[in-house]
Amino acid sequence: MIERDALAGPRDLIGELEGRLRQGGVAQARVEAEWLVADTLGMRRTELYLLDGPMSSAQRESLQERLSRRLSGEPLQYVLGSCDFFGHRFAVSPGVFIPRPETEAIVEAALPALRARQARLGRPLRLLDLGTGSGCIAVLLAKRLPSCAVVAVEVSWDALRIARENVERHQVAGRVHLVQGRWLEPIRGDVDGIVSNPPYIPSRQVDQLPLDVRQEPRISLDGGPDGMRIAQQLMAEAPRVLGRGGLLAMECGEEQVAPLLRIASTDSRVKTASPLHDMARRPRGILLYRDGYA
C-alpha cells in the first residue's frame, strides 16, 4: 500500500513511488513515478511540480492499483493505456505491440524517400503499413503525407480494435484503411511504398527479454530462428505489389542489416538497397527500391 498519509500531495507521492519502483527493479523509476501520478491526475508531467494539496481517495486508490500492476511486471504503457510516438499520444492495451523510439527513427528516415517519390509521380501515394499493431505508423504516414492513402494490415483483431481507436483519435479515418490479414496476403494491386516494423528478435532470445517486454504479444517479437524470417518473406513478396520504382522501408535488428542487404543484392527485382539509421546513427533498417522508374 502507498504509505504516505492522506494529506500527502503529488510531489510527496512521487518520491514514495520512485522508491517502490526502484526496489521492484524498474530502471527509470523517477520518470515512471511521474508518469503514474500525472496520468492518474489527468495532467502533463511538467505540471506536477506546480501542484499543492492532497490527492482524493479515489485518485490514491487508482494510483495504488496502477503501482501494483507495474510492480507485477506489466508494461508501463499498458498500465497507462497509452504511449507517445512522434510526439502524439496513441492508445495501447494488452495484446498490442508497444511503439518504440527506434520505429520513430525508421519512419523519419523513410519520409524523405516517400516525399521524393510523390514529387516524381505528381499524385498522392498509395502506401502499406504491414503489421500495423496500434496503427502508429499508418497514422504518422497520413499526418506527414497529408494526401496519401494508407492500407494498414494486421492479423490480430485486438490490435485492429486499438488501431481503429487511434485512427479515429487522430482524425485520419478517411485515408487510413484497416485490413485483417497476414502481411501481404490480402493485398492486390500496385502500391507506391511499404513501411513495416516486423518481428525481428531471434526465437531463442524472446524468453530472455525483460519481464515487461515479455508481456507483449510474442507474435510481434519472435522473428524466427535468426530473427529474419518475416523480413526475408516481405523482401521476397514486396515486388509483387510494389509499382515500378516503389520502395520498402523496414525496421530490423542492427546485426541483421548487413545480411538482409546481401540478400537484396541477389534479387534482380531490387534496383537499390541501403541501410536506414536511427537517431544514434546506428543501422536499424533497410530501404529497398524495386527495379524500374517512376
Protein backbone atom coordinates (compact mmCIF):
# COMPACT_ATOMS: atom_id res chain seq x y z
CA MET A 1 0.00 0.00 0.00
CA ILE A 2 1.01 3.63 -0.54
CA GLU A 3 2.23 4.63 2.89
CA ARG A 4 2.05 8.45 2.77
CA ASP A 5 -0.74 9.97 4.87
CA ALA A 6 -3.97 11.10 3.24
CA LEU A 7 -2.80 14.73 3.12
CA ALA A 8 0.26 13.94 1.05
CA GLY A 9 0.29 15.74 -2.29
CA PRO A 10 1.52 14.56 -5.71
CA ARG A 11 5.10 15.72 -5.15
CA ASP A 12 5.37 13.70 -1.93
CA LEU A 13 3.88 10.60 -3.55
CA ILE A 14 6.27 10.75 -6.49
CA GLY A 15 9.19 10.18 -4.12
CA GLU A 16 7.45 7.23 -2.47
CA LEU A 17 6.54 5.65 -5.80
CA GLU A 18 10.07 6.14 -7.08
CA GLY A 19 11.41 4.18 -4.12
CA ARG A 20 8.89 1.38 -4.55
CA LEU A 21 9.59 1.11 -8.26
CA ARG A 22 13.33 1.16 -7.74
CA GLN A 23 13.02 -1.67 -5.21
CA GLY A 24 10.99 -3.54 -7.81
CA GLY A 25 13.82 -3.31 -10.33
CA VAL A 26 12.39 -0.57 -12.56
CA ALA A 27 15.30 1.21 -14.23
CA GLN A 28 13.68 4.61 -14.84
CA ALA A 29 11.90 4.71 -11.52
CA ARG A 30 11.63 8.51 -11.21
CA VAL A 31 10.26 9.00 -14.71
CA GLU A 32 7.76 6.19 -14.32
CA ALA A 33 6.62 7.52 -10.94
CA GLU A 34 5.97 10.89 -12.56
CA TRP A 35 4.04 9.26 -15.40
CA LEU A 36 1.87 7.26 -12.99
CA VAL A 37 0.99 10.26 -10.86
CA ALA A 38 0.47 12.63 -13.80
CA ASP A 39 -1.73 10.23 -15.73
CA THR A 40 -3.79 9.45 -12.63
CA LEU A 41 -4.41 13.19 -12.21
CA GLY A 42 -5.05 13.71 -15.93
CA MET A 43 -2.22 16.18 -16.46
CA ARG A 44 1.24 16.54 -18.01
CA ARG A 45 4.38 15.51 -16.14
CA THR A 46 5.64 19.09 -16.41
CA GLU A 47 2.63 20.31 -14.43
CA LEU A 48 3.16 18.02 -11.44
CA TYR A 49 5.54 20.23 -9.50
CA LEU A 50 3.19 23.19 -9.65
CA LEU A 51 0.58 21.36 -7.59
CA ASP A 52 -0.12 21.59 -3.89
CA GLY A 53 -2.73 19.85 -1.80
CA PRO A 54 -3.68 16.20 -1.31
CA MET A 55 -4.96 13.74 -3.88
CA SER A 56 -8.50 12.45 -3.47
CA SER A 57 -9.10 9.00 -2.02
CA ALA A 58 -10.26 7.76 -5.45
CA GLN A 59 -7.05 9.05 -7.05
CA ARG A 60 -4.93 7.38 -4.38
CA GLU A 61 -6.76 4.08 -4.89
CA SER A 62 -6.25 4.32 -8.65
CA LEU A 63 -2.58 5.11 -8.16
CA GLN A 64 -2.14 2.13 -5.82
CA GLU A 65 -3.79 -0.18 -8.34
CA ARG A 66 -1.55 1.10 -11.13
CA LEU A 67 1.56 0.78 -9.00
CA SER A 68 0.67 -2.83 -8.19
CA ARG A 69 0.21 -3.65 -11.86
CA ARG A 70 3.56 -2.09 -12.76
CA LEU A 71 5.37 -3.92 -9.95
CA SER A 72 3.87 -7.20 -11.20
CA GLY A 73 5.78 -6.69 -14.48
CA GLU A 74 3.03 -5.18 -16.62
CA PRO A 75 4.48 -2.62 -19.07
CA LEU A 76 4.00 1.00 -18.04
CA GLN A 77 2.29 1.75 -21.35
CA TYR A 78 -0.36 -0.91 -20.68
CA VAL A 79 -0.89 0.46 -17.19
CA LEU A 80 -1.38 3.97 -18.60
CA GLY A 81 -3.35 2.73 -21.61
CA SER A 82 -1.29 4.88 -23.96
CA CYS A 83 2.19 5.83 -25.15
CA ASP A 84 3.95 8.62 -27.02
CA PHE A 85 5.01 8.22 -30.65
CA PHE A 86 6.38 11.13 -32.68
CA GLY A 87 5.02 13.50 -30.04
CA HIS A 88 1.48 12.15 -30.40
CA ARG A 89 -0.46 10.04 -27.90
CA PHE A 90 -1.55 6.56 -29.00
CA ALA A 91 -3.79 4.10 -27.21
CA VAL A 92 -2.27 0.70 -26.40
CA SER A 93 -3.54 -2.27 -24.42
CA PRO A 94 -2.50 -5.84 -23.60
CA GLY A 95 -2.26 -7.80 -26.84
CA VAL A 96 -0.89 -4.82 -28.78
CA PHE A 97 2.79 -4.20 -29.52
CA ILE A 98 4.10 -1.02 -27.86
CA PRO A 99 5.66 1.50 -30.29
CA ARG A 100 9.37 2.20 -29.74
CA PRO A 101 11.65 5.19 -30.45
CA GLU A 102 13.58 3.04 -32.95
CA THR A 103 10.46 2.88 -35.11
CA GLU A 104 10.12 6.65 -34.97
CA ALA A 105 13.62 6.90 -36.42
CA ILE A 106 12.85 4.45 -39.24
CA VAL A 107 9.68 6.34 -40.22
CA GLU A 108 11.58 9.64 -40.07
CA ALA A 109 14.32 8.21 -42.29
CA ALA A 110 11.79 6.85 -44.81
CA LEU A 111 9.76 10.06 -45.18
CA PRO A 112 12.21 11.91 -47.50
CA ALA A 113 12.18 8.94 -49.89
CA LEU A 114 8.38 8.87 -49.85
CA ARG A 115 8.12 12.63 -50.41
CA ALA A 116 10.57 12.39 -53.31
CA ARG A 117 8.54 9.61 -54.90
CA GLN A 118 5.33 11.63 -54.53
CA ALA A 119 7.00 14.61 -56.23
CA ARG A 120 8.15 12.42 -59.13
CA LEU A 121 4.74 10.86 -59.60
CA GLY A 122 2.82 14.11 -59.20
CA ARG A 123 -0.02 12.41 -57.33
CA PRO A 124 -0.88 11.18 -53.82
CA LEU A 125 0.89 8.00 -52.73
CA ARG A 126 -0.72 4.63 -52.07
CA LEU A 127 1.07 3.10 -49.08
CA LEU A 128 1.04 -0.07 -46.96
CA ASP A 129 1.78 -0.45 -43.25
CA LEU A 130 2.28 -4.16 -42.65
CA GLY A 131 1.78 -5.48 -39.11
CA THR A 132 0.27 -2.17 -38.05
CA GLY A 133 -0.32 -3.07 -34.37
CA SER A 134 -1.53 0.12 -32.71
CA GLY A 135 -1.70 1.85 -36.09
CA CYS A 136 1.01 4.35 -35.16
CA ILE A 137 2.99 4.07 -38.42
CA ALA A 138 -0.12 4.36 -40.60
CA VAL A 139 -1.37 7.38 -38.66
CA LEU A 140 2.01 9.11 -38.85
CA LEU A 141 2.28 8.49 -42.59
CA ALA A 142 -1.17 10.01 -43.06
CA LYS A 143 -0.22 13.02 -40.94
CA ARG A 144 3.16 13.66 -42.54
CA LEU A 145 1.96 12.98 -46.11
CA PRO A 146 -1.44 14.65 -45.94
CA SER A 147 -2.72 13.48 -49.33
CA CYS A 148 -1.63 9.83 -49.16
CA ALA A 149 -3.84 6.79 -48.62
CA VAL A 150 -2.59 4.05 -46.30
CA VAL A 151 -3.76 0.44 -46.03
CA ALA A 152 -2.78 -0.93 -42.62
CA VAL A 153 -2.67 -4.74 -42.37
CA GLU A 154 -2.81 -6.60 -39.06
CA VAL A 155 -3.61 -10.22 -38.16
CA SER A 156 -4.81 -9.54 -34.59
CA TRP A 157 -8.38 -8.37 -34.08
CA ASP A 158 -7.42 -6.96 -30.66
CA ALA A 159 -4.74 -4.84 -32.27
CA LEU A 160 -7.10 -3.73 -35.05
CA ARG A 161 -9.59 -2.53 -32.45
CA ILE A 162 -6.90 -0.32 -30.88
CA ALA A 163 -5.67 0.78 -34.32
CA ARG A 164 -9.22 1.90 -35.18
CA GLU A 165 -9.35 3.91 -31.96
CA ASN A 166 -6.06 5.62 -32.85
CA VAL A 167 -7.06 6.29 -36.46
CA GLU A 168 -10.24 7.98 -35.25
CA ARG A 169 -8.48 9.84 -32.43
CA HIS A 170 -6.05 11.39 -34.91
CA GLN A 171 -8.78 12.12 -37.47
CA VAL A 172 -7.29 10.21 -40.40
CA ALA A 173 -10.06 7.63 -40.79
CA GLY A 174 -10.77 8.84 -44.32
CA ARG A 175 -7.27 7.95 -45.51
CA VAL A 176 -6.18 5.01 -43.31
CA HIS A 177 -7.95 1.76 -44.13
CA LEU A 178 -7.56 -1.19 -41.75
CA VAL A 179 -7.44 -4.74 -43.13
CA GLN A 180 -7.30 -8.00 -41.20
CA GLY A 181 -4.77 -10.44 -42.59
CA ARG A 182 -1.18 -11.69 -42.56
CA TRP A 183 1.36 -9.37 -44.08
CA LEU A 184 0.87 -9.16 -47.87
CA GLU A 185 -1.67 -11.98 -48.19
CA PRO A 186 -4.77 -9.73 -48.51
CA ILE A 187 -3.15 -7.17 -50.83
CA ARG A 188 -3.84 -6.98 -54.56
CA GLY A 189 -2.76 -4.29 -57.00
CA ASP A 190 0.13 -1.84 -57.02
CA VAL A 191 1.28 0.43 -54.21
CA ASP A 192 3.98 3.10 -54.11
CA GLY A 193 5.58 2.22 -50.80
CA ILE A 194 5.59 -0.19 -47.87
CA VAL A 195 6.65 0.71 -44.33
CA SER A 196 6.86 -2.08 -41.77
CA ASN A 197 8.21 -3.00 -38.36
CA PRO A 198 8.07 -6.81 -38.45
CA PRO A 199 9.13 -9.04 -35.55
CA TYR A 200 12.90 -9.49 -35.65
CA ILE A 201 14.07 -10.96 -32.33
CA PRO A 202 15.54 -14.49 -32.68
CA SER A 203 13.23 -17.06 -31.11
CA ARG A 204 15.78 -18.24 -28.55
CA GLN A 205 16.17 -14.68 -27.23
CA VAL A 206 12.48 -13.89 -26.71
CA ASP A 207 12.25 -15.75 -23.38
CA GLN A 208 15.34 -13.88 -22.15
CA LEU A 209 13.79 -10.44 -22.65
CA PRO A 210 12.85 -8.31 -19.60
CA LEU A 211 9.61 -9.34 -17.91
CA ASP A 212 7.64 -6.31 -19.07
CA VAL A 213 8.67 -6.83 -22.72
CA ARG A 214 7.59 -10.48 -22.50
CA GLN A 215 4.06 -9.29 -21.66
CA GLU A 216 3.73 -8.02 -25.23
CA PRO A 217 2.38 -10.39 -27.91
CA ARG A 218 5.02 -12.92 -28.87
CA ILE A 219 3.88 -12.79 -32.48
CA SER A 220 5.09 -9.17 -32.55
CA LEU A 221 8.53 -10.07 -31.17
CA ASP A 222 9.55 -13.50 -32.49
CA GLY A 223 11.25 -13.31 -35.89
CA GLY A 224 12.11 -16.99 -36.13
CA PRO A 225 15.44 -18.79 -35.55
CA ASP A 226 17.63 -15.97 -36.87
CA GLY A 227 15.12 -13.15 -36.38
CA MET A 228 14.87 -12.53 -40.13
CA ARG A 229 12.07 -14.91 -41.17
CA ILE A 230 9.39 -12.24 -41.70
CA ALA A 231 11.88 -9.68 -43.06
CA GLN A 232 13.02 -12.11 -45.75
CA GLN A 233 9.42 -13.01 -46.53
CA LEU A 234 8.50 -9.36 -47.03
CA MET A 235 11.57 -8.71 -49.18
CA ALA A 236 10.66 -11.67 -51.40
CA GLU A 237 6.97 -10.78 -51.71
CA ALA A 238 7.09 -6.96 -51.83
CA PRO A 239 7.91 -6.71 -55.58
CA ARG A 240 4.56 -8.38 -56.31
CA VAL A 241 2.66 -5.33 -55.05
CA LEU A 242 5.21 -2.53 -55.46
CA GLY A 243 4.88 -0.45 -58.59
CA ARG A 244 7.97 0.26 -60.69
CA GLY A 245 10.41 2.23 -58.55
CA GLY A 246 8.32 1.58 -55.43
CA LEU A 247 10.07 1.31 -52.08
CA LEU A 248 10.13 -0.86 -48.98
CA ALA A 249 11.28 0.71 -45.69
CA MET A 250 11.60 -1.93 -42.98
CA GLU A 251 12.91 -1.95 -39.42
CA CYS A 252 15.20 -4.78 -38.30
CA GLY A 253 17.90 -5.58 -35.77
CA GLU A 254 21.23 -3.78 -36.10
CA GLU A 255 23.12 -7.03 -36.76
CA GLN A 256 20.56 -8.03 -39.42
CA VAL A 257 21.06 -5.03 -41.72
CA ALA A 258 24.17 -6.37 -43.48
CA PRO A 259 22.82 -9.90 -44.18
CA LEU A 260 19.49 -8.52 -45.40
CA LEU A 261 21.29 -6.13 -47.76
CA ARG A 262 23.35 -9.06 -49.09
CA ILE A 263 20.13 -10.97 -49.77
CA ALA A 264 18.65 -7.93 -51.53
CA SER A 265 21.74 -7.64 -53.74
CA THR A 266 20.99 -11.07 -55.23
CA ASP A 267 17.39 -10.19 -56.20
CA SER A 268 17.17 -8.92 -59.79
CA ARG A 269 13.90 -7.13 -58.95
CA VAL A 270 15.67 -4.84 -56.46
CA LYS A 271 17.18 -1.73 -58.02
CA THR A 272 18.98 -0.40 -54.92
CA ALA A 273 19.19 -1.28 -51.23
CA SER A 274 20.65 0.81 -48.42
CA PRO A 275 20.61 0.95 -44.61
CA LEU A 276 18.29 3.18 -42.58
CA HIS A 277 19.79 4.65 -39.39
CA ASP A 278 18.33 5.51 -36.01
CA MET A 279 18.93 8.80 -34.20
CA ALA A 280 22.27 7.48 -32.88
CA ARG A 281 23.33 6.75 -36.50
CA ARG A 282 23.19 3.01 -35.94
CA PRO A 283 21.82 0.90 -38.82
CA ARG A 284 18.33 -0.23 -37.75
CA GLY A 285 16.52 -0.83 -41.02
CA ILE A 286 16.75 -1.18 -44.77
CA LEU A 287 15.38 0.81 -47.70
CA LEU A 288 14.81 -1.07 -50.96
CA TYR A 289 13.68 0.25 -54.34
CA ARG A 290 12.05 -2.00 -56.88
CA ASP A 291 13.56 -2.01 -60.34
CA GLY A 292 12.18 0.32 -62.99
CA TYR A 293 11.36 4.01 -62.96
CA ALA A 294 8.57 6.27 -61.67
